[in-house]
Amino acid sequence: MILKNIFLQGIFPFDGAGLEKAVPIHSQLSHFVPDGVINQTLYFRGGNSSPELITVVLMRDGVPMRYFPIAAKGDVHVPLRVVEDIDGGSLIELRLLADTGVSGSVVIDMGMVEH
């Protein structure tokens, strides 16, 4: 079994666009799982510099998989230790829900493994 570690991480500024529609945070926060490979999400860590609650959404092929709420000026660590496999050919991305008028920076560190 060949394992490859994948990380989606960085610090990204954002401007809230509403709580009803998850919007892309940055192009660096997407990953296409190659055909013939199984991807497993291991953990999510996030931080929020804004004075309001925000939510980072893990999407698979445009459909929400997990919601990670992050408190105002807070942080979160969610060890997922594998609850489901993501098949090859899937697009994984992180998007953001934040109320209109809320702005700040979000810190993202999500670890995955592929085999």
PDB file of N, CA and C in Angstrom:
ATOM      1  N   MET A   1       0.842  -1.170   0.000  1.00  0.00           N
ATOM      2  CA  MET A   1       0.000   0.000   0.000  1.00  0.00           C
ATOM      3  C   MET A   1       0.894   1.242   0.000  1.00  0.00           C
ATOM      4  N   ILE A   2       0.680   2.099  -0.965  1.00  0.00           N
ATOM      5  CA  ILE A   2       1.434   3.344  -1.057  1.00  0.00           C
ATOM      6  C   ILE A   2       0.590   4.455  -0.441  1.00  0.00           C
ATOM      7  N   LEU A   3       1.182   5.182   0.485  1.00  0.00           N
ATOM      8  CA  LEU A   3       0.479   6.284   1.124  1.00  0.00           C
ATOM      9  C   LEU A   3       1.068   7.604   0.671  1.00  0.00           C
ATOM     10  N   LYS A   4       0.209   8.567   0.465  1.00  0.00           N
ATOM     11  CA  LYS A   4       0.647   9.916   0.117  1.00  0.00           C
ATOM     12  C   LYS A   4      -0.119  10.887   1.006  1.00  0.00           C
ATOM     13  N   ASN A   5       0.614  11.739   1.682  1.00  0.00           N
ATOM     14  CA  ASN A   5      -0.021  12.744   2.530  1.00  0.00           C
ATOM     15  C   ASN A   5      -0.377  13.964   1.694  1.00  0.00           C
ATOM     16  N   ILE A   6      -1.558  14.485   1.917  1.00  0.00           N
ATOM     17  CA  ILE A   6      -2.044  15.671   1.209  1.00  0.00           C
ATOM     18  C   ILE A   6      -2.483  16.680   2.279  1.00  0.00           C
ATOM     19  N   PHE A   7      -2.092  17.928   2.094  1.00  0.00           N
ATOM     20  CA  PHE A   7      -2.497  18.973   3.034  1.00  0.00           C
ATOM     21  C   PHE A   7      -3.117  20.136   2.271  1.00  0.00           C
ATOM     22  N   LEU A   8      -4.234  20.603   2.760  1.00  0.00           N
ATOM     23  CA  LEU A   8      -4.828  21.853   2.284  1.00  0.00           C
ATOM     24  C   LEU A   8      -4.643  22.827   3.424  1.00  0.00           C
ATOM     25  N   GLN A   9      -3.804  23.848   3.226  1.00  0.00           N
ATOM     26  CA  GLN A   9      -3.500  24.714   4.349  1.00  0.00           C
ATOM     27  C   GLN A   9      -3.087  26.107   3.899  1.00  0.00           C
ATOM     28  N   GLY A  10      -3.197  27.038   4.825  1.00  0.00           N
ATOM     29  CA  GLY A  10      -2.795  28.410   4.582  1.00  0.00           C
ATOM     30  C   GLY A  10      -3.650  29.375   5.388  1.00  0.00           C
ATOM     31  N   ILE A  11      -3.364  30.644   5.233  1.00  0.00           N
ATOM     32  CA  ILE A  11      -4.122  31.711   5.868  1.00  0.00           C
ATOM     33  C   ILE A  11      -4.704  32.567   4.751  1.00  0.00           C
ATOM     34  N   PHE A  12      -6.037  32.747   4.796  1.00  0.00           N
ATOM     35  CA  PHE A  12      -6.729  33.374   3.677  1.00  0.00           C
ATOM     36  C   PHE A  12      -7.688  34.463   4.172  1.00  0.00           C
ATOM     37  N   PRO A  13      -7.635  35.653   3.570  1.00  0.00           N
ATOM     38  CA  PRO A  13      -8.619  36.683   3.915  1.00  0.00           C
ATOM     39  C   PRO A  13      -9.974  36.323   3.300  1.00  0.00           C
ATOM     40  N   PHE A  14     -11.045  36.799   3.932  1.00  0.00           N
ATOM     41  CA  PHE A  14     -12.380  36.531   3.381  1.00  0.00           C
ATOM     42  C   PHE A  14     -13.304  37.716   3.660  1.00  0.00           C
ATOM     43  N   ASP A  15     -14.335  37.809   2.844  1.00  0.00           N
ATOM     44  CA  ASP A  15     -15.454  38.723   3.046  1.00  0.00           C
ATOM     45  C   ASP A  15     -16.709  37.873   2.995  1.00  0.00           C
ATOM     46  N   GLY A  16     -17.502  37.917   4.037  1.00  0.00           N
ATOM     47  CA  GLY A  16     -18.705  37.104   4.111  1.00  0.00           C
ATOM     48  C   GLY A  16     -19.669  37.394   2.977  1.00  0.00           C
ATOM     49  N   ALA A  17     -20.280  36.337   2.476  1.00  0.00           N
ATOM     50  CA  ALA A  17     -21.233  36.468   1.366  1.00  0.00           C
ATOM     51  C   ALA A  17     -22.597  35.917   1.745  1.00  0.00           C
ATOM     52  N   GLY A  18     -22.804  35.662   3.058  1.00  0.00           N
ATOM     53  CA  GLY A  18     -24.091  35.138   3.496  1.00  0.00           C
ATOM     54  C   GLY A  18     -23.958  33.731   4.060  1.00  0.00           C
ATOM     55  N   LEU A  19     -24.964  33.346   4.829  1.00  0.00           N
ATOM     56  CA  LEU A  19     -24.927  32.038   5.493  1.00  0.00           C
ATOM     57  C   LEU A  19     -25.646  30.954   4.708  1.00  0.00           C
ATOM     58  N   GLU A  20     -26.202  31.311   3.558  1.00  0.00           N
ATOM     59  CA  GLU A  20     -26.975  30.331   2.794  1.00  0.00           C
ATOM     60  C   GLU A  20     -26.170  29.624   1.715  1.00  0.00           C
ATOM     61  N   LYS A  21     -25.087  30.248   1.251  1.00  0.00           N
ATOM     62  CA  LYS A  21     -24.350  29.660   0.137  1.00  0.00           C
ATOM     63  C   LYS A  21     -22.863  29.616   0.466  1.00  0.00           C
ATOM     64  N   ALA A  22     -22.302  28.405   0.475  1.00  0.00           N
ATOM     65  CA  ALA A  22     -20.870  28.243   0.734  1.00  0.00           C
ATOM     66  C   ALA A  22     -20.090  28.707  -0.485  1.00  0.00           C
ATOM     67  N   VAL A  23     -19.127  29.617  -0.247  1.00  0.00           N
ATOM     68  CA  VAL A  23     -18.336  30.165  -1.356  1.00  0.00           C
ATOM     69  C   VAL A  23     -16.887  29.689  -1.243  1.00  0.00           C
ATOM     70  N   PRO A  24     -16.221  29.548  -2.393  1.00  0.00           N
ATOM     71  CA  PRO A  24     -14.814  29.123  -2.356  1.00  0.00           C
ATOM     72  C   PRO A  24     -13.975  30.127  -1.568  1.00  0.00           C
ATOM     73  N   ILE A  25     -13.000  29.616  -0.839  1.00  0.00           N
ATOM     74  CA  ILE A  25     -12.092  30.464  -0.060  1.00  0.00           C
ATOM     75  C   ILE A  25     -10.890  30.842  -0.916  1.00  0.00           C
ATOM     76  N   HIS A  26     -10.282  29.842  -1.543  1.00  0.00           N
ATOM     77  CA  HIS A  26      -9.094  30.059  -2.373  1.00  0.00           C
ATOM     78  C   HIS A  26      -8.891  28.798  -3.219  1.00  0.00           C
ATOM     79  N   SER A  27      -8.307  28.981  -4.402  1.00  0.00           N
ATOM     80  CA  SER A  27      -8.086  27.827  -5.294  1.00  0.00           C
ATOM     81  C   SER A  27      -7.123  26.797  -4.695  1.00  0.00           C
ATOM     82  N   GLN A  28      -6.284  27.215  -3.744  1.00  0.00           N
ATOM     83  CA  GLN A  28      -5.364  26.262  -3.094  1.00  0.00           C
ATOM     84  C   GLN A  28      -6.093  25.274  -2.192  1.00  0.00           C
ATOM     85  N   LEU A  29      -7.367  25.538  -1.911  1.00  0.00           N
ATOM     86  CA  LEU A  29      -8.104  24.680  -0.993  1.00  0.00           C
ATOM     87  C   LEU A  29      -9.020  23.710  -1.723  1.00  0.00           C
ATOM     88  N   SER A  30      -8.552  23.232  -2.865  1.00  0.00           N
ATOM     89  CA  SER A  30      -9.280  22.179  -3.572  1.00  0.00           C
ATOM     90  C   SER A  30      -8.277  21.117  -4.010  1.00  0.00           C
ATOM     91  N   HIS A  31      -8.783  19.890  -4.146  1.00  0.00           N
ATOM     92  CA  HIS A  31      -7.924  18.767  -4.524  1.00  0.00           C
ATOM     93  C   HIS A  31      -8.753  17.766  -5.316  1.00  0.00           C
ATOM     94  N   PHE A  32      -8.231  17.354  -6.455  1.00  0.00           N
ATOM     95  CA  PHE A  32      -8.883  16.324  -7.264  1.00  0.00           C
ATOM     96  C   PHE A  32      -8.253  14.978  -6.924  1.00  0.00           C
ATOM     97  N   VAL A  33      -9.052  14.027  -6.463  1.00  0.00           N
ATOM     98  CA  VAL A  33      -8.559  12.700  -6.114  1.00  0.00           C
ATOM     99  C   VAL A  33      -8.362  11.908  -7.407  1.00  0.00           C
ATOM    100  N   PRO A  34      -7.122  11.477  -7.673  1.00  0.00           N
ATOM    101  CA  PRO A  34      -6.867  10.756  -8.931  1.00  0.00           C
ATOM    102  C   PRO A  34      -7.677   9.455  -9.021  1.00  0.00           C
ATOM    103  N   ASP A  35      -7.996   9.067 -10.234  1.00  0.00           N
ATOM    104  CA  ASP A  35      -8.696   7.796 -10.446  1.00  0.00           C
ATOM    105  C   ASP A  35      -7.864   6.643  -9.898  1.00  0.00           C
ATOM    106  N   GLY A  36      -8.528   5.665  -9.309  1.00  0.00           N
ATOM    107  CA  GLY A  36      -7.855   4.492  -8.770  1.00  0.00           C
ATOM    108  C   GLY A  36      -7.258   4.695  -7.396  1.00  0.00           C
ATOM    109  N   VAL A  37      -7.517   5.828  -6.801  1.00  0.00           N
ATOM    110  CA  VAL A  37      -6.961   6.161  -5.484  1.00  0.00           C
ATOM    111  C   VAL A  37      -8.111   6.368  -4.500  1.00  0.00           C
ATOM    112  N   ILE A  38      -7.871   5.996  -3.239  1.00  0.00           N
ATOM    113  CA  ILE A  38      -8.829   6.263  -2.168  1.00  0.00           C
ATOM    114  C   ILE A  38      -8.260   7.370  -1.297  1.00  0.00           C
ATOM    115  N   ASN A  39      -9.050   8.378  -1.020  1.00  0.00           N
ATOM    116  CA  ASN A  39      -8.657   9.505  -0.178  1.00  0.00           C
ATOM    117  C   ASN A  39      -9.414   9.400   1.139  1.00  0.00           C
ATOM    118  N   GLN A  40      -8.695   9.692   2.226  1.00  0.00           N
ATOM    119  CA  GLN A  40      -9.332   9.713   3.540  1.00  0.00           C
ATOM    120  C   GLN A  40      -8.922  11.009   4.253  1.00  0.00           C
ATOM    121  N   THR A  41      -9.896  11.721   4.758  1.00  0.00           N
ATOM    122  CA  THR A  41      -9.623  12.946   5.506  1.00  0.00           C
ATOM    123  C   THR A  41      -9.305  12.571   6.949  1.00  0.00           C
ATOM    124  N   LEU A  42      -8.165  13.050   7.445  1.00  0.00           N
ATOM    125  CA  LEU A  42      -7.714  12.661   8.785  1.00  0.00           C
ATOM    126  C   LEU A  42      -8.053  13.682   9.862  1.00  0.00           C
ATOM    127  N   TYR A  43      -7.905  14.973   9.545  1.00  0.00           N
ATOM    128  CA  TYR A  43      -8.185  15.993  10.565  1.00  0.00           C
ATOM    129  C   TYR A  43      -8.459  17.333   9.908  1.00  0.00           C
ATOM    130  N   PHE A  44      -9.057  18.228  10.690  1.00  0.00           N
ATOM    131  CA  PHE A  44      -9.255  19.614  10.274  1.00  0.00           C
ATOM    132  C   PHE A  44      -8.913  20.516  11.445  1.00  0.00           C
ATOM    133  N   ARG A  45      -8.111  21.529  11.182  1.00  0.00           N
ATOM    134  CA  ARG A  45      -7.830  22.574  12.163  1.00  0.00           C
ATOM    135  C   ARG A  45      -8.147  23.901  11.502  1.00  0.00           C
ATOM    136  N   GLY A  46      -8.779  24.782  12.248  1.00  0.00           N
ATOM    137  CA  GLY A  46      -9.113  26.074  11.680  1.00  0.00           C
ATOM    138  C   GLY A  46      -9.093  27.168  12.720  1.00  0.00           C
ATOM    139  N   GLY A  47      -8.833  28.382  12.259  1.00  0.00           N
ATOM    140  CA  GLY A  47      -8.864  29.558  13.116  1.00  0.00           C
ATOM    141  C   GLY A  47      -9.591  30.678  12.407  1.00  0.00           C
ATOM    142  N   ASN A  48     -10.190  31.569  13.197  1.00  0.00           N
ATOM    143  CA  ASN A  48     -11.019  32.640  12.668  1.00  0.00           C
ATOM    144  C   ASN A  48     -10.650  33.951  13.361  1.00  0.00           C
ATOM    145  N   SER A  49     -10.213  34.943  12.597  1.00  0.00           N
ATOM    146  CA  SER A  49      -9.827  36.230  13.191  1.00  0.00           C
ATOM    147  C   SER A  49     -11.000  37.205  13.299  1.00  0.00           C
ATOM    148  N   SER A  50     -12.152  36.878  12.724  1.00  0.00           N
ATOM    149  CA  SER A  50     -13.268  37.831  12.692  1.00  0.00           C
ATOM    150  C   SER A  50     -14.032  37.834  14.021  1.00  0.00           C
ATOM    151  N   PRO A  51     -14.845  38.866  14.247  1.00  0.00           N
ATOM    152  CA  PRO A  51     -15.627  38.949  15.490  1.00  0.00           C
ATOM    153  C   PRO A  51     -16.951  38.185  15.441  1.00  0.00           C
ATOM    154  N   GLU A  52     -17.149  37.368  14.382  1.00  0.00           N
ATOM    155  CA  GLU A  52     -18.395  36.609  14.232  1.00  0.00           C
ATOM    156  C   GLU A  52     -18.084  35.147  13.923  1.00  0.00           C
ATOM    157  N   LEU A  53     -19.059  34.279  14.198  1.00  0.00           N
ATOM    158  CA  LEU A  53     -18.944  32.861  13.848  1.00  0.00           C
ATOM    159  C   LEU A  53     -18.823  32.701  12.334  1.00  0.00           C
ATOM    160  N   ILE A  54     -17.951  31.807  11.907  1.00  0.00           N
ATOM    161  CA  ILE A  54     -17.883  31.417  10.497  1.00  0.00           C
ATOM    162  C   ILE A  54     -17.941  29.886  10.450  1.00  0.00           C
ATOM    163  N   THR A  55     -18.178  29.351   9.266  1.00  0.00           N
ATOM    164  CA  THR A  55     -18.195  27.904   9.099  1.00  0.00           C
ATOM    165  C   THR A  55     -17.432  27.537   7.834  1.00  0.00           C
ATOM    166  N   VAL A  56     -16.486  26.610   7.974  1.00  0.00           N
ATOM    167  CA  VAL A  56     -15.785  26.058   6.818  1.00  0.00           C
ATOM    168  C   VAL A  56     -16.506  24.764   6.449  1.00  0.00           C
ATOM    169  N   VAL A  57     -16.768  24.580   5.169  1.00  0.00           N
ATOM    170  CA  VAL A  57     -17.526  23.426   4.693  1.00  0.00           C
ATOM    171  C   VAL A  57     -16.641  22.568   3.808  1.00  0.00           C
ATOM    172  N   LEU A  58     -16.516  21.293   4.154  1.00  0.00           N
ATOM    173  CA  LEU A  58     -15.810  20.329   3.307  1.00  0.00           C
ATOM    174  C   LEU A  58     -16.800  19.818   2.275  1.00  0.00           C
ATOM    175  N   MET A  59     -16.476  20.058   0.997  1.00  0.00           N
ATOM    176  CA  MET A  59     -17.365  19.671  -0.097  1.00  0.00           C
ATOM    177  C   MET A  59     -16.756  18.514  -0.889  1.00  0.00           C
ATOM    178  N   ARG A  60     -17.589  17.615  -1.360  1.00  0.00           N
ATOM    179  CA  ARG A  60     -17.165  16.567  -2.296  1.00  0.00           C
ATOM    180  C   ARG A  60     -18.067  16.657  -3.507  1.00  0.00           C
ATOM    181  N   ASP A  61     -17.477  16.966  -4.649  1.00  0.00           N
ATOM    182  CA  ASP A  61     -18.230  17.109  -5.899  1.00  0.00           C
ATOM    183  C   ASP A  61     -19.410  18.068  -5.744  1.00  0.00           C
ATOM    184  N   GLY A  62     -19.165  19.172  -5.019  1.00  0.00           N
ATOM    185  CA  GLY A  62     -20.173  20.207  -4.881  1.00  0.00           C
ATOM    186  C   GLY A  62     -21.225  19.952  -3.821  1.00  0.00           C
ATOM    187  N   VAL A  63     -21.082  18.840  -3.087  1.00  0.00           N
ATOM    188  CA  VAL A  63     -22.063  18.488  -2.053  1.00  0.00           C
ATOM    189  C   VAL A  63     -21.373  18.561  -0.682  1.00  0.00           C
ATOM    190  N   PRO A  64     -21.993  19.250   0.300  1.00  0.00           N
ATOM    191  CA  PRO A  64     -21.370  19.333   1.623  1.00  0.00           C
ATOM    192  C   PRO A  64     -21.214  17.951   2.275  1.00  0.00           C
ATOM    193  N   MET A  65     -20.004  17.716   2.822  1.00  0.00           N
ATOM    194  CA  MET A  65     -19.734  16.485   3.579  1.00  0.00           C
ATOM    195  C   MET A  65     -19.707  16.739   5.080  1.00  0.00           C
ATOM    196  N   ARG A  66     -19.005  17.832   5.479  1.00  0.00           N
ATOM    197  CA  ARG A  66     -18.858  18.166   6.891  1.00  0.00           C
ATOM    198  C   ARG A  66     -18.857  19.683   7.055  1.00  0.00           C
ATOM    199  N   TYR A  67     -19.403  20.140   8.175  1.00  0.00           N
ATOM    200  CA  TYR A  67     -19.389  21.554   8.534  1.00  0.00           C
ATOM    201  C   TYR A  67     -18.482  21.715   9.756  1.00  0.00           C
ATOM    202  N   PHE A  68     -17.588  22.724   9.680  1.00  0.00           N
ATOM    203  CA  PHE A  68     -16.681  23.009  10.786  1.00  0.00           C
ATOM    204  C   PHE A  68     -16.933  24.442  11.259  1.00  0.00           C
ATOM    205  N   PRO A  69     -17.825  24.642  12.219  1.00  0.00           N
ATOM    206  CA  PRO A  69     -18.037  25.991  12.740  1.00  0.00           C
ATOM    207  C   PRO A  69     -16.824  26.432  13.548  1.00  0.00           C
ATOM    208  N   ILE A  70     -16.450  27.711  13.391  1.00  0.00           N
ATOM    209  CA  ILE A  70     -15.321  28.274  14.130  1.00  0.00           C
ATOM    210  C   ILE A  70     -15.814  29.547  14.805  1.00  0.00           C
ATOM    211  N   ALA A  71     -15.729  29.581  16.119  1.00  0.00           N
ATOM    212  CA  ALA A  71     -16.228  30.710  16.901  1.00  0.00           C
ATOM    213  C   ALA A  71     -15.479  31.998  16.567  1.00  0.00           C
ATOM    214  N   ALA A  72     -16.095  33.120  16.932  1.00  0.00           N
ATOM    215  CA  ALA A  72     -15.459  34.429  16.767  1.00  0.00           C
ATOM    216  C   ALA A  72     -14.108  34.438  17.455  1.00  0.00           C
ATOM    217  N   LYS A  73     -13.090  34.843  16.713  1.00  0.00           N
ATOM    218  CA  LYS A  73     -11.717  34.892  17.215  1.00  0.00           C
ATOM    219  C   LYS A  73     -11.340  33.584  17.909  1.00  0.00           C
ATOM    220  N   GLY A  74     -11.814  32.483  17.334  1.00  0.00           N
ATOM    221  CA  GLY A  74     -11.583  31.178  17.939  1.00  0.00           C
ATOM    222  C   GLY A  74     -10.896  30.215  16.999  1.00  0.00           C
ATOM    223  N   ASP A  75     -10.746  28.996  17.510  1.00  0.00           N
ATOM    224  CA  ASP A  75     -10.132  27.947  16.706  1.00  0.00           C
ATOM    225  C   ASP A  75     -10.802  26.617  17.011  1.00  0.00           C
ATOM    226  N   VAL A  76     -10.536  25.638  16.150  1.00  0.00           N
ATOM    227  CA  VAL A  76     -11.132  24.320  16.307  1.00  0.00           C
ATOM    228  C   VAL A  76     -10.161  23.271  15.776  1.00  0.00           C
ATOM    229  N   HIS A  77     -10.167  22.109  16.413  1.00  0.00           N
ATOM    230  CA  HIS A  77      -9.419  20.949  15.925  1.00  0.00           C
ATOM    231  C   HIS A  77     -10.369  19.774  15.929  1.00  0.00           C
ATOM    232  N   VAL A  78     -10.566  19.177  14.757  1.00  0.00           N
ATOM    233  CA  VAL A  78     -11.487  18.053  14.617  1.00  0.00           C
ATOM    234  C   VAL A  78     -10.716  16.857  14.078  1.00  0.00           C
ATOM    235  N   PRO A  79     -10.415  15.881  14.949  1.00  0.00           N
ATOM    236  CA  PRO A  79      -9.783  14.663  14.453  1.00  0.00           C
ATOM    237  C   PRO A  79     -10.857  13.759  13.860  1.00  0.00           C
ATOM    238  N   LEU A  80     -10.838  13.575  12.562  1.00  0.00           N
ATOM    239  CA  LEU A  80     -11.898  12.813  11.895  1.00  0.00           C
ATOM    240  C   LEU A  80     -11.612  11.323  11.876  1.00  0.00           C
ATOM    241  N   ARG A  81     -10.410  10.954  11.993  1.00  0.00           N
ATOM    242  CA  ARG A  81      -9.843   9.604  11.832  1.00  0.00           C
ATOM    243  C   ARG A  81     -10.838   8.635  11.268  1.00  0.00           C
ATOM    244  N   VAL A  82     -10.683   8.317  10.216  1.00  0.00           N
ATOM    245  CA  VAL A  82     -11.418   8.096   8.995  1.00  0.00           C
ATOM    246  C   VAL A  82     -12.824   7.542   9.173  1.00  0.00           C
ATOM    247  N   VAL A  83     -13.751   8.322   8.733  1.00  0.00           N
ATOM    248  CA  VAL A  83     -15.135   7.912   8.816  1.00  0.00           C
ATOM    249  C   VAL A  83     -15.674   7.437   7.478  1.00  0.00           C
ATOM    250  N   GLU A  84     -15.057   7.840   6.382  1.00  0.00           N
ATOM    251  CA  GLU A  84     -15.498   7.350   5.079  1.00  0.00           C
ATOM    252  C   GLU A  84     -14.410   7.590   4.040  1.00  0.00           C
ATOM    253  N   ASP A  85     -14.402   6.757   3.048  1.00  0.00           N
ATOM    254  CA  ASP A  85     -13.456   6.881   1.947  1.00  0.00           C
ATOM    255  C   ASP A  85     -14.030   7.812   0.885  1.00  0.00           C
ATOM    256  N   ILE A  86     -13.122   8.511   0.198  1.00  0.00           N
ATOM    257  CA  ILE A  86     -13.514   9.340  -0.942  1.00  0.00           C
ATOM    258  C   ILE A  86     -12.869   8.707  -2.169  1.00  0.00           C
ATOM    259  N   ASP A  87     -13.689   8.294  -3.097  1.00  0.00           N
ATOM    260  CA  ASP A  87     -13.213   7.575  -4.279  1.00  0.00           C
ATOM    261  C   ASP A  87     -12.492   8.493  -5.254  1.00  0.00           C
ATOM    262  N   GLY A  88     -11.601   7.883  -6.044  1.00  0.00           N
ATOM    263  CA  GLY A  88     -10.916   8.605  -7.110  1.00  0.00           C
ATOM    264  C   GLY A  88     -11.922   9.216  -8.071  1.00  0.00           C
ATOM    265  N   GLY A  89     -11.533  10.342  -8.658  1.00  0.00           N
ATOM    266  CA  GLY A  89     -12.428  11.040  -9.565  1.00  0.00           C
ATOM    267  C   GLY A  89     -13.279  12.084  -8.868  1.00  0.00           C
ATOM    268  N   SER A  90     -13.092  12.233  -7.543  1.00  0.00           N
ATOM    269  CA  SER A  90     -13.884  13.203  -6.778  1.00  0.00           C
ATOM    270  C   SER A  90     -13.101  14.502  -6.607  1.00  0.00           C
ATOM    271  N   LEU A  91     -13.823  15.603  -6.560  1.00  0.00           N
ATOM    272  CA  LEU A  91     -13.223  16.908  -6.273  1.00  0.00           C
ATOM    273  C   LEU A  91     -13.554  17.275  -4.834  1.00  0.00           C
ATOM    274  N   ILE A  92     -12.498  17.491  -4.042  1.00  0.00           N
ATOM    275  CA  ILE A  92     -12.647  17.906  -2.645  1.00  0.00           C
ATOM    276  C   ILE A  92     -12.295  19.384  -2.575  1.00  0.00           C
ATOM    277  N   GLU A  93     -13.092  20.151  -1.861  1.00  0.00           N
ATOM    278  CA  GLU A  93     -12.745  21.558  -1.680  1.00  0.00           C
ATOM    279  C   GLU A  93     -13.311  22.063  -0.362  1.00  0.00           C
ATOM    280  N   LEU A  94     -12.694  23.123   0.133  1.00  0.00           N
ATOM    281  CA  LEU A  94     -13.163  23.793   1.343  1.00  0.00           C
ATOM    282  C   LEU A  94     -13.791  25.111   0.947  1.00  0.00           C
ATOM    283  N   ARG A  95     -14.970  25.371   1.477  1.00  0.00           N
ATOM    284  CA  ARG A  95     -15.688  26.623   1.211  1.00  0.00           C
ATOM    285  C   ARG A  95     -16.049  27.276   2.531  1.00  0.00           C
ATOM    286  N   LEU A  96     -16.544  28.495   2.442  1.00  0.00           N
ATOM    287  CA  LEU A  96     -16.797  29.288   3.645  1.00  0.00           C
ATOM    288  C   LEU A  96     -18.224  29.805   3.688  1.00  0.00           C
ATOM    289  N   LEU A  97     -18.803  29.767   4.880  1.00  0.00           N
ATOM    290  CA  LEU A  97     -20.069  30.427   5.167  1.00  0.00           C
ATOM    291  C   LEU A  97     -19.788  31.500   6.208  1.00  0.00           C
ATOM    292  N   ALA A  98     -20.073  32.742   5.887  1.00  0.00           N
ATOM    293  CA  ALA A  98     -19.930  33.850   6.826  1.00  0.00           C
ATOM    294  C   ALA A  98     -20.983  34.885   6.480  1.00  0.00           C
ATOM    295  N   ASP A  99     -21.549  35.498   7.500  1.00  0.00           N
ATOM    296  CA  ASP A  99     -22.613  36.468   7.281  1.00  0.00           C
ATOM    297  C   ASP A  99     -22.100  37.648   6.444  1.00  0.00           C
ATOM    298  N   THR A 100     -23.003  38.237   5.699  1.00  0.00           N
ATOM    299  CA  THR A 100     -22.655  39.397   4.876  1.00  0.00           C
ATOM    300  C   THR A 100     -22.109  40.519   5.766  1.00  0.00           C
ATOM    301  N   GLY A 101     -21.006  41.107   5.345  1.00  0.00           N
ATOM    302  CA  GLY A 101     -20.389  42.191   6.088  1.00  0.00           C
ATOM    303  C   GLY A 101     -19.308  41.740   7.058  1.00  0.00           C
ATOM    304  N   VAL A 102     -19.226  40.433   7.289  1.00  0.00           N
ATOM    305  CA  VAL A 102     -18.182  39.903   8.170  1.00  0.00           C
ATOM    306  C   VAL A 102     -16.927  39.669   7.335  1.00  0.00           C
ATOM    307  N   SER A 103     -15.805  40.157   7.824  1.00  0.00           N
ATOM    308  CA  SER A 103     -14.550  39.915   7.122  1.00  0.00           C
ATOM    309  C   SER A 103     -13.457  39.607   8.134  1.00  0.00           C
ATOM    310  N   GLY A 104     -12.413  38.975   7.644  1.00  0.00           N
ATOM    311  CA  GLY A 104     -11.297  38.592   8.497  1.00  0.00           C
ATOM    312  C   GLY A 104     -10.385  37.656   7.745  1.00  0.00           C
ATOM    313  N   SER A 105      -9.666  36.863   8.493  1.00  0.00           N
ATOM    314  CA  SER A 105      -8.807  35.830   7.907  1.00  0.00           C
ATOM    315  C   SER A 105      -9.161  34.497   8.541  1.00  0.00           C
ATOM    316  N   VAL A 106      -9.075  33.459   7.724  1.00  0.00           N
ATOM    317  CA  VAL A 106      -9.312  32.113   8.215  1.00  0.00           C
ATOM    318  C   VAL A 106      -8.024  31.309   8.045  1.00  0.00           C
ATOM    319  N   VAL A 107      -7.681  30.580   9.112  1.00  0.00           N
ATOM    320  CA  VAL A 107      -6.508  29.705   9.094  1.00  0.00           C
ATOM    321  C   VAL A 107      -7.004  28.288   8.854  1.00  0.00           C
ATOM    322  N   ILE A 108      -6.441  27.631   7.848  1.00  0.00           N
ATOM    323  CA  ILE A 108      -6.886  26.284   7.472  1.00  0.00           C
ATOM    324  C   ILE A 108      -5.709  25.326   7.503  1.00  0.00           C
ATOM    325  N   ASP A 109      -5.932  24.163   8.092  1.00  0.00           N
ATOM    326  CA  ASP A 109      -4.961  23.063   8.026  1.00  0.00           C
ATOM    327  C   ASP A 109      -5.776  21.776   8.019  1.00  0.00           C
ATOM    328  N   MET A 110      -5.896  21.161   6.842  1.00  0.00           N
ATOM    329  CA  MET A 110      -6.638  19.904   6.738  1.00  0.00           C
ATOM    330  C   MET A 110      -5.701  18.844   6.162  1.00  0.00           C
ATOM    331  N   GLY A 111      -5.608  17.732   6.864  1.00  0.00           N
ATOM    332  CA  GLY A 111      -4.733  16.658   6.438  1.00  0.00           C
ATOM    333  C   GLY A 111      -5.519  15.469   5.900  1.00  0.00           C
ATOM    334  N   MET A 112      -4.996  14.908   4.811  1.00  0.00           N
ATOM    335  CA  MET A 112      -5.614  13.744   4.178  1.00  0.00           C
ATOM    336  C   MET A 112      -4.517  12.743   3.826  1.00  0.00           C
ATOM    337  N   VAL A 113      -4.914  11.521   3.582  1.00  0.00           N
ATOM    338  CA  VAL A 113      -3.986  10.514   3.097  1.00  0.00           C
ATOM    339  C   VAL A 113      -4.631   9.817   1.905  1.00  0.00           C
ATOM    340  N   GLU A 114      -3.791   9.453   0.929  1.00  0.00           N
ATOM    341  CA  GLU A 114      -4.297   8.717  -0.237  1.00  0.00           C
ATOM    342  C   GLU A 114      -3.515   7.421  -0.394  1.00  0.00           C
ATOM    343  N   HIS A 115      -4.214   6.383  -0.748  1.00  0.00           N
ATOM    344  CA  HIS A 115      -3.583   5.082  -1.006  1.00  0.00           C
ATOM    345  C   HIS A 115      -4.292   4.373  -2.124  1.00  0.00           C
TER     346      HIS A 115
END
